[in-house]
Amino acid sequence: MDIIIAGMRHSELTINNDSINNNVASLTRGNYYIITGMAFDIRDRAKRFAIKAIALIRIFPKDVVGHTLGKQLIRSATSIGANLEEADAASSRKDFLHKVSIAYKEARESRYWLEIALESELLNHQKNITEAKALQAEAVELSKILYSIINSKKINN
Protein backbone atom coordinates (compact mmCIF):
# COMPACT_ATOMS: atom_id res chain seq x y z
CA MET A 1 0.00 0.00 0.00
CA ASP A 2 1.42 3.39 -0.98
CA ILE A 3 0.86 6.30 1.37
CA ILE A 4 1.96 9.85 0.72
CA ILE A 5 2.76 11.90 3.81
CA ALA A 6 4.47 15.29 3.70
CA GLY A 7 5.22 14.83 0.01
CA MET A 8 7.04 11.51 0.52
CA ARG A 9 5.81 8.14 -0.72
CA HIS A 10 5.95 5.25 1.71
CA SER A 11 5.28 1.77 0.42
CA GLU A 12 5.43 -0.20 3.62
CA LEU A 13 2.93 0.22 6.39
CA THR A 14 3.02 -1.73 9.64
CA ILE A 15 -0.06 -1.91 11.84
CA ASN A 16 0.56 -2.49 15.53
CA ASN A 17 -2.68 -3.83 16.99
CA ASP A 18 -1.45 -3.43 20.57
CA SER A 19 -0.69 0.25 20.21
CA ILE A 20 -2.70 3.23 21.28
CA ASN A 21 -6.37 2.32 21.19
CA ASN A 22 -5.64 -0.01 18.24
CA ASN A 23 -5.63 3.07 15.97
CA VAL A 24 -1.92 3.72 15.41
CA ALA A 25 -0.33 2.67 12.15
CA SER A 26 3.41 3.19 11.95
CA LEU A 27 5.45 3.60 8.81
CA THR A 28 8.63 1.60 8.61
CA ARG A 29 10.57 4.78 7.72
CA GLY A 30 10.31 8.14 9.42
CA ASN A 31 8.41 9.40 12.44
CA TYR A 32 5.00 9.66 10.79
CA TYR A 33 1.93 8.00 12.21
CA ILE A 34 -1.69 7.77 11.20
CA ILE A 35 -4.31 8.00 13.89
CA THR A 36 -7.88 7.48 12.72
CA GLY A 37 -6.90 8.48 9.19
CA MET A 38 -5.07 11.70 10.07
CA ALA A 39 -1.32 11.99 9.49
CA PHE A 40 0.93 13.95 11.81
CA ASP A 41 4.57 14.33 12.67
CA ILE A 42 5.39 13.34 16.25
CA ARG A 43 8.03 16.08 16.33
CA ASP A 44 5.38 18.75 15.68
CA ARG A 45 3.18 17.31 18.40
CA ALA A 46 6.11 17.34 20.86
CA LYS A 47 6.86 20.96 19.94
CA ARG A 48 3.23 22.00 20.53
CA PHE A 49 3.38 20.21 23.89
CA ALA A 50 6.53 22.13 24.88
CA ILE A 51 5.02 25.48 23.86
CA LYS A 52 1.86 24.80 25.88
CA ALA A 53 3.97 23.72 28.87
CA ILE A 54 5.96 26.96 28.65
CA ALA A 55 2.72 28.96 28.66
CA LEU A 56 1.51 27.08 31.74
CA ILE A 57 4.83 27.51 33.56
CA ARG A 58 4.63 31.28 33.04
CA ILE A 59 1.61 31.35 35.36
CA PHE A 60 3.21 29.28 38.11
CA PRO A 61 3.59 31.20 41.39
CA LYS A 62 6.77 33.27 41.62
CA ASP A 63 7.96 31.49 44.76
CA VAL A 64 10.56 28.76 45.36
CA VAL A 65 8.06 25.96 44.66
CA GLY A 66 6.81 27.52 41.43
CA HIS A 67 10.34 28.17 40.21
CA THR A 68 11.57 24.68 41.10
CA LEU A 69 8.66 22.81 39.54
CA GLY A 70 8.72 25.16 36.57
CA LYS A 71 12.40 24.50 35.90
CA GLN A 72 11.90 20.74 36.12
CA LEU A 73 8.86 20.79 33.84
CA ILE A 74 10.40 23.08 31.24
CA ARG A 75 13.48 20.87 31.00
CA SER A 76 11.54 17.65 30.54
CA ALA A 77 8.81 19.12 28.30
CA THR A 78 11.26 20.74 25.88
CA SER A 79 13.58 17.73 25.90
CA ILE A 80 10.98 15.49 24.22
CA GLY A 81 11.08 17.38 20.94
CA ALA A 82 14.82 17.99 21.12
CA ASN A 83 15.50 14.27 21.41
CA LEU A 84 13.09 13.50 18.57
CA GLU A 85 14.98 15.98 16.38
CA GLU A 86 18.21 14.17 17.28
CA ALA A 87 16.55 10.81 16.57
CA ASP A 88 15.56 12.04 13.12
CA ALA A 89 19.25 12.64 12.38
CA ALA A 90 20.44 9.44 14.05
CA SER A 91 23.53 7.78 12.64
CA SER A 92 22.26 4.27 13.33
CA ARG A 93 19.18 2.29 14.39
CA LYS A 94 20.70 1.95 17.88
CA ASP A 95 21.22 5.74 18.08
CA PHE A 96 17.63 6.29 16.88
CA LEU A 97 16.21 3.95 19.54
CA HIS A 98 18.34 5.58 22.23
CA LYS A 99 17.10 9.10 21.39
CA VAL A 100 13.46 8.03 21.15
CA SER A 101 13.86 6.19 24.47
CA ILE A 102 15.10 9.39 26.09
CA ALA A 103 12.13 11.29 24.62
CA TYR A 104 9.82 8.61 26.08
CA LYS A 105 11.38 9.03 29.54
CA GLU A 106 11.10 12.82 29.31
CA ALA A 107 7.40 12.55 28.41
CA ARG A 108 6.84 10.39 31.48
CA GLU A 109 8.80 12.85 33.61
CA SER A 110 6.70 15.75 32.28
CA ARG A 111 3.54 13.87 33.25
CA TYR A 112 4.99 13.43 36.75
CA TRP A 113 5.79 17.14 37.22
CA LEU A 114 2.33 18.08 36.00
CA GLU A 115 0.85 15.61 38.48
CA ILE A 116 2.89 17.20 41.29
CA ALA A 117 1.74 20.69 40.24
CA LEU A 118 -1.89 19.56 40.24
CA GLU A 119 -1.82 17.58 43.48
CA SER A 120 0.10 20.27 45.39
CA GLU A 121 -2.55 22.81 44.36
CA LEU A 122 0.12 24.98 42.77
CA LEU A 123 -2.44 26.33 40.30
CA ASN A 124 -5.36 28.21 41.75
CA HIS A 125 -7.60 29.09 38.79
CA GLN A 126 -9.86 26.50 37.18
CA LYS A 127 -8.70 27.48 33.68
CA ASN A 128 -5.07 26.81 34.66
CA ILE A 129 -5.99 23.52 36.33
CA THR A 130 -7.89 22.46 33.19
CA GLU A 131 -4.87 23.33 31.01
CA ALA A 132 -2.51 21.38 33.31
CA LYS A 133 -4.81 18.34 33.15
CA ALA A 134 -4.94 18.58 29.35
CA LEU A 135 -1.13 18.75 29.24
CA GLN A 136 -0.91 15.78 31.58
CA ALA A 137 -3.19 13.78 29.25
CA GLU A 138 -1.07 14.83 26.26
CA ALA A 139 2.10 13.70 28.10
CA VAL A 140 0.48 10.29 28.58
CA GLU A 141 -0.45 10.13 24.89
CA LEU A 142 3.06 11.16 23.82
CA SER A 143 4.47 8.45 26.11
CA LYS A 144 2.22 5.84 24.50
CA ILE A 145 3.14 6.93 20.98
CA LEU A 146 6.87 6.96 21.76
CA TYR A 147 6.61 3.55 23.42
CA SER A 148 4.88 2.27 20.29
CA ILE A 149 7.67 3.68 18.10
CA ILE A 150 10.32 2.02 20.25
CA ASN A 151 8.56 -1.34 20.20
CA SER A 152 7.84 -1.27 16.47
CA LYS A 153 11.46 -0.43 15.66
CA LYS A 154 12.68 -3.22 17.96
CA ILE A 155 10.26 -5.73 16.42
CA ASN A 156 11.15 -4.71 12.87
CA ASN A 157 14.86 -5.10 13.64
C-alpha atoms as a PDB file:
ATOM      1  CA  MET A   1       0.000   0.000   0.000  1.00  0.00           C
ATOM      2  CA  ASP A   2       1.423   3.392  -0.978  1.00  0.00           C
ATOM      3  CA  ILE A   3       0.858   6.305   1.372  1.00  0.00           C
ATOM      4  CA  ILE A   4       1.960   9.852   0.723  1.00  0.00           C
ATOM      5  CA  ILE A   5       2.762  11.899   3.809  1.00  0.00           C
ATOM      6  CA  ALA A   6       4.467  15.290   3.700  1.00  0.00           C
ATOM      7  CA  GLY A   7       5.224  14.827   0.011  1.00  0.00           C
ATOM      8  CA  MET A   8       7.035  11.508   0.523  1.00  0.00           C
ATOM      9  CA  ARG A   9       5.811   8.140  -0.724  1.00  0.00           C
ATOM     10  CA  HIS A  10       5.953   5.250   1.713  1.00  0.00           C
ATOM     11  CA  SER A  11       5.283   1.770   0.420  1.00  0.00           C
ATOM     12  CA  GLU A  12       5.430  -0.202   3.625  1.00  0.00           C
ATOM     13  CA  LEU A  13       2.931   0.217   6.393  1.00  0.00           C
ATOM     14  CA  THR A  14       3.015  -1.732   9.640  1.00  0.00           C
ATOM     15  CA  ILE A  15      -0.065  -1.912  11.837  1.00  0.00           C
ATOM     16  CA  ASN A  16       0.559  -2.487  15.532  1.00  0.00           C
ATOM     17  CA  ASN A  17      -2.678  -3.828  16.994  1.00  0.00           C
ATOM     18  CA  ASP A  18      -1.453  -3.434  20.569  1.00  0.00           C
ATOM     19  CA  SER A  19      -0.687   0.252  20.208  1.00  0.00           C
ATOM     20  CA  ILE A  20      -2.702   3.229  21.281  1.00  0.00           C
ATOM     21  CA  ASN A  21      -6.367   2.325  21.186  1.00  0.00           C
ATOM     22  CA  ASN A  22      -5.642  -0.005  18.241  1.00  0.00           C
ATOM     23  CA  ASN A  23      -5.629   3.070  15.974  1.00  0.00           C
ATOM     24  CA  VAL A  24      -1.921   3.716  15.406  1.00  0.00           C
ATOM     25  CA  ALA A  25      -0.334   2.674  12.154  1.00  0.00           C
ATOM     26  CA  SER A  26       3.412   3.190  11.949  1.00  0.00           C
ATOM     27  CA  LEU A  27       5.452   3.598   8.815  1.00  0.00           C
ATOM     28  CA  THR A  28       8.630   1.601   8.607  1.00  0.00           C
ATOM     29  CA  ARG A  29      10.569   4.776   7.723  1.00  0.00           C
ATOM     30  CA  GLY A  30      10.309   8.140   9.420  1.00  0.00           C
ATOM     31  CA  ASN A  31       8.410   9.398  12.437  1.00  0.00           C
ATOM     32  CA  TYR A  32       5.002   9.660  10.792  1.00  0.00           C
ATOM     33  CA  TYR A  33       1.934   8.004  12.211  1.00  0.00           C
ATOM     34  CA  ILE A  34      -1.691   7.768  11.202  1.00  0.00           C
ATOM     35  CA  ILE A  35      -4.313   7.997  13.891  1.00  0.00           C
ATOM     36  CA  THR A  36      -7.883   7.484  12.717  1.00  0.00           C
ATOM     37  CA  GLY A  37      -6.896   8.482   9.195  1.00  0.00           C
ATOM     38  CA  MET A  38      -5.074  11.701  10.074  1.00  0.00           C
ATOM     39  CA  ALA A  39      -1.317  11.990   9.488  1.00  0.00           C
ATOM     40  CA  PHE A  40       0.927  13.952  11.809  1.00  0.00           C
ATOM     41  CA  ASP A  41       4.572  14.334  12.665  1.00  0.00           C
ATOM     42  CA  ILE A  42       5.391  13.337  16.253  1.00  0.00           C
ATOM     43  CA  ARG A  43       8.034  16.082  16.334  1.00  0.00           C
ATOM     44  CA  ASP A  44       5.385  18.747  15.676  1.00  0.00           C
ATOM     45  CA  ARG A  45       3.185  17.309  18.399  1.00  0.00           C
ATOM     46  CA  ALA A  46       6.105  17.342  20.859  1.00  0.00           C
ATOM     47  CA  LYS A  47       6.859  20.960  19.938  1.00  0.00           C
ATOM     48  CA  ARG A  48       3.227  22.000  20.530  1.00  0.00           C
ATOM     49  CA  PHE A  49       3.375  20.209  23.895  1.00  0.00           C
ATOM     50  CA  ALA A  50       6.528  22.131  24.880  1.00  0.00           C
ATOM     51  CA  ILE A  51       5.016  25.478  23.865  1.00  0.00           C
ATOM     52  CA  LYS A  52       1.858  24.805  25.885  1.00  0.00           C
ATOM     53  CA  ALA A  53       3.967  23.717  28.870  1.00  0.00           C
ATOM     54  CA  ILE A  54       5.961  26.962  28.655  1.00  0.00           C
ATOM     55  CA  ALA A  55       2.718  28.964  28.656  1.00  0.00           C
ATOM     56  CA  LEU A  56       1.513  27.083  31.740  1.00  0.00           C
ATOM     57  CA  ILE A  57       4.834  27.510  33.560  1.00  0.00           C
ATOM     58  CA  ARG A  58       4.626  31.284  33.038  1.00  0.00           C
ATOM     59  CA  ILE A  59       1.610  31.353  35.360  1.00  0.00           C
ATOM     60  CA  PHE A  60       3.215  29.277  38.110  1.00  0.00           C
ATOM     61  CA  PRO A  61       3.593  31.203  41.390  1.00  0.00           C
ATOM     62  CA  LYS A  62       6.766  33.273  41.619  1.00  0.00           C
ATOM     63  CA  ASP A  63       7.962  31.485  44.756  1.00  0.00           C
ATOM     64  CA  VAL A  64      10.560  28.760  45.357  1.00  0.00           C
ATOM     65  CA  VAL A  65       8.056  25.959  44.663  1.00  0.00           C
ATOM     66  CA  GLY A  66       6.806  27.522  41.427  1.00  0.00           C
ATOM     67  CA  HIS A  67      10.340  28.172  40.208  1.00  0.00           C
ATOM     68  CA  THR A  68      11.572  24.683  41.102  1.00  0.00           C
ATOM     69  CA  LEU A  69       8.665  22.813  39.543  1.00  0.00           C
ATOM     70  CA  GLY A  70       8.718  25.156  36.569  1.00  0.00           C
ATOM     71  CA  LYS A  71      12.399  24.496  35.900  1.00  0.00           C
ATOM     72  CA  GLN A  72      11.896  20.738  36.123  1.00  0.00           C
ATOM     73  CA  LEU A  73       8.860  20.792  33.845  1.00  0.00           C
ATOM     74  CA  ILE A  74      10.395  23.085  31.241  1.00  0.00           C
ATOM     75  CA  ARG A  75      13.481  20.868  31.004  1.00  0.00           C
ATOM     76  CA  SER A  76      11.541  17.648  30.542  1.00  0.00           C
ATOM     77  CA  ALA A  77       8.809  19.124  28.298  1.00  0.00           C
ATOM     78  CA  THR A  78      11.262  20.741  25.875  1.00  0.00           C
ATOM     79  CA  SER A  79      13.583  17.731  25.896  1.00  0.00           C
ATOM     80  CA  ILE A  80      10.981  15.493  24.225  1.00  0.00           C
ATOM     81  CA  GLY A  81      11.082  17.376  20.937  1.00  0.00           C
ATOM     82  CA  ALA A  82      14.820  17.990  21.119  1.00  0.00           C
ATOM     83  CA  ASN A  83      15.495  14.267  21.407  1.00  0.00           C
ATOM     84  CA  LEU A  84      13.094  13.500  18.569  1.00  0.00           C
ATOM     85  CA  GLU A  85      14.985  15.980  16.377  1.00  0.00           C
ATOM     86  CA  GLU A  86      18.205  14.168  17.277  1.00  0.00           C
ATOM     87  CA  ALA A  87      16.551  10.811  16.567  1.00  0.00           C
ATOM     88  CA  ASP A  88      15.558  12.039  13.115  1.00  0.00           C
ATOM     89  CA  ALA A  89      19.253  12.644  12.376  1.00  0.00           C
ATOM     90  CA  ALA A  90      20.439   9.441  14.054  1.00  0.00           C
ATOM     91  CA  SER A  91      23.527   7.779  12.636  1.00  0.00           C
ATOM     92  CA  SER A  92      22.256   4.266  13.326  1.00  0.00           C
ATOM     93  CA  ARG A  93      19.183   2.288  14.386  1.00  0.00           C
ATOM     94  CA  LYS A  94      20.696   1.952  17.877  1.00  0.00           C
ATOM     95  CA  ASP A  95      21.223   5.740  18.078  1.00  0.00           C
ATOM     96  CA  PHE A  96      17.630   6.292  16.884  1.00  0.00           C
ATOM     97  CA  LEU A  97      16.211   3.955  19.539  1.00  0.00           C
ATOM     98  CA  HIS A  98      18.345   5.584  22.226  1.00  0.00           C
ATOM     99  CA  LYS A  99      17.103   9.101  21.392  1.00  0.00           C
ATOM    100  CA  VAL A 100      13.456   8.031  21.152  1.00  0.00           C
ATOM    101  CA  SER A 101      13.856   6.191  24.475  1.00  0.00           C
ATOM    102  CA  ILE A 102      15.098   9.389  26.090  1.00  0.00           C
ATOM    103  CA  ALA A 103      12.127  11.290  24.621  1.00  0.00           C
ATOM    104  CA  TYR A 104       9.819   8.614  26.076  1.00  0.00           C
ATOM    105  CA  LYS A 105      11.375   9.026  29.542  1.00  0.00           C
ATOM    106  CA  GLU A 106      11.098  12.817  29.306  1.00  0.00           C
ATOM    107  CA  ALA A 107       7.401  12.553  28.406  1.00  0.00           C
ATOM    108  CA  ARG A 108       6.836  10.388  31.475  1.00  0.00           C
ATOM    109  CA  GLU A 109       8.795  12.851  33.612  1.00  0.00           C
ATOM    110  CA  SER A 110       6.704  15.746  32.279  1.00  0.00           C
ATOM    111  CA  ARG A 111       3.545  13.875  33.246  1.00  0.00           C
ATOM    112  CA  TYR A 112       4.994  13.429  36.747  1.00  0.00           C
ATOM    113  CA  TRP A 113       5.793  17.141  37.218  1.00  0.00           C
ATOM    114  CA  LEU A 114       2.328  18.079  35.998  1.00  0.00           C
ATOM    115  CA  GLU A 115       0.847  15.609  38.476  1.00  0.00           C
ATOM    116  CA  ILE A 116       2.885  17.197  41.293  1.00  0.00           C
ATOM    117  CA  ALA A 117       1.743  20.686  40.239  1.00  0.00           C
ATOM    118  CA  LEU A 118      -1.893  19.565  40.238  1.00  0.00           C
ATOM    119  CA  GLU A 119      -1.823  17.583  43.479  1.00  0.00           C
ATOM    120  CA  SER A 120       0.097  20.272  45.388  1.00  0.00           C
ATOM    121  CA  GLU A 121      -2.549  22.812  44.361  1.00  0.00           C
ATOM    122  CA  LEU A 122       0.118  24.982  42.765  1.00  0.00           C
ATOM    123  CA  LEU A 123      -2.439  26.325  40.295  1.00  0.00           C
ATOM    124  CA  ASN A 124      -5.356  28.211  41.753  1.00  0.00           C
ATOM    125  CA  HIS A 125      -7.597  29.092  38.787  1.00  0.00           C
ATOM    126  CA  GLN A 126      -9.862  26.498  37.177  1.00  0.00           C
ATOM    127  CA  LYS A 127      -8.703  27.484  33.678  1.00  0.00           C
ATOM    128  CA  ASN A 128      -5.073  26.811  34.661  1.00  0.00           C
ATOM    129  CA  ILE A 129      -5.990  23.519  36.327  1.00  0.00           C
ATOM    130  CA  THR A 130      -7.886  22.456  33.189  1.00  0.00           C
ATOM    131  CA  GLU A 131      -4.867  23.327  31.010  1.00  0.00           C
ATOM    132  CA  ALA A 132      -2.513  21.379  33.311  1.00  0.00           C
ATOM    133  CA  LYS A 133      -4.813  18.338  33.147  1.00  0.00           C
ATOM    134  CA  ALA A 134      -4.937  18.580  29.348  1.00  0.00           C
ATOM    135  CA  LEU A 135      -1.127  18.751  29.237  1.00  0.00           C
ATOM    136  CA  GLN A 136      -0.908  15.782  31.577  1.00  0.00           C
ATOM    137  CA  ALA A 137      -3.185  13.780  29.250  1.00  0.00           C
ATOM    138  CA  GLU A 138      -1.066  14.828  26.262  1.00  0.00           C
ATOM    139  CA  ALA A 139       2.095  13.703  28.097  1.00  0.00           C
ATOM    140  CA  VAL A 140       0.484  10.291  28.584  1.00  0.00           C
ATOM    141  CA  GLU A 141      -0.450  10.131  24.886  1.00  0.00           C
ATOM    142  CA  LEU A 142       3.061  11.161  23.823  1.00  0.00           C
ATOM    143  CA  SER A 143       4.466   8.447  26.106  1.00  0.00           C
ATOM    144  CA  LYS A 144       2.224   5.841  24.495  1.00  0.00           C
ATOM    145  CA  ILE A 145       3.143   6.929  20.981  1.00  0.00           C
ATOM    146  CA  LEU A 146       6.869   6.963  21.761  1.00  0.00           C
ATOM    147  CA  TYR A 147       6.608   3.550  23.419  1.00  0.00           C
ATOM    148  CA  SER A 148       4.880   2.266  20.288  1.00  0.00           C
ATOM    149  CA  ILE A 149       7.667   3.683  18.100  1.00  0.00           C
ATOM    150  CA  ILE A 150      10.322   2.023  20.253  1.00  0.00           C
ATOM    151  CA  ASN A 151       8.560  -1.345  20.196  1.00  0.00           C
ATOM    152  CA  SER A 152       7.837  -1.273  16.465  1.00  0.00           C
ATOM    153  CA  LYS A 153      11.461  -0.430  15.661  1.00  0.00           C
ATOM    154  CA  LYS A 154      12.680  -3.223  17.964  1.00  0.00           C
ATOM    155  CA  ILE A 155      10.257  -5.731  16.421  1.00  0.00           C
ATOM    156  CA  ASN A 156      11.154  -4.708  12.866  1.00  0.00           C
ATOM    157  CA  ASN A 157      14.859  -5.098  13.638  1.00  0.00           C
END
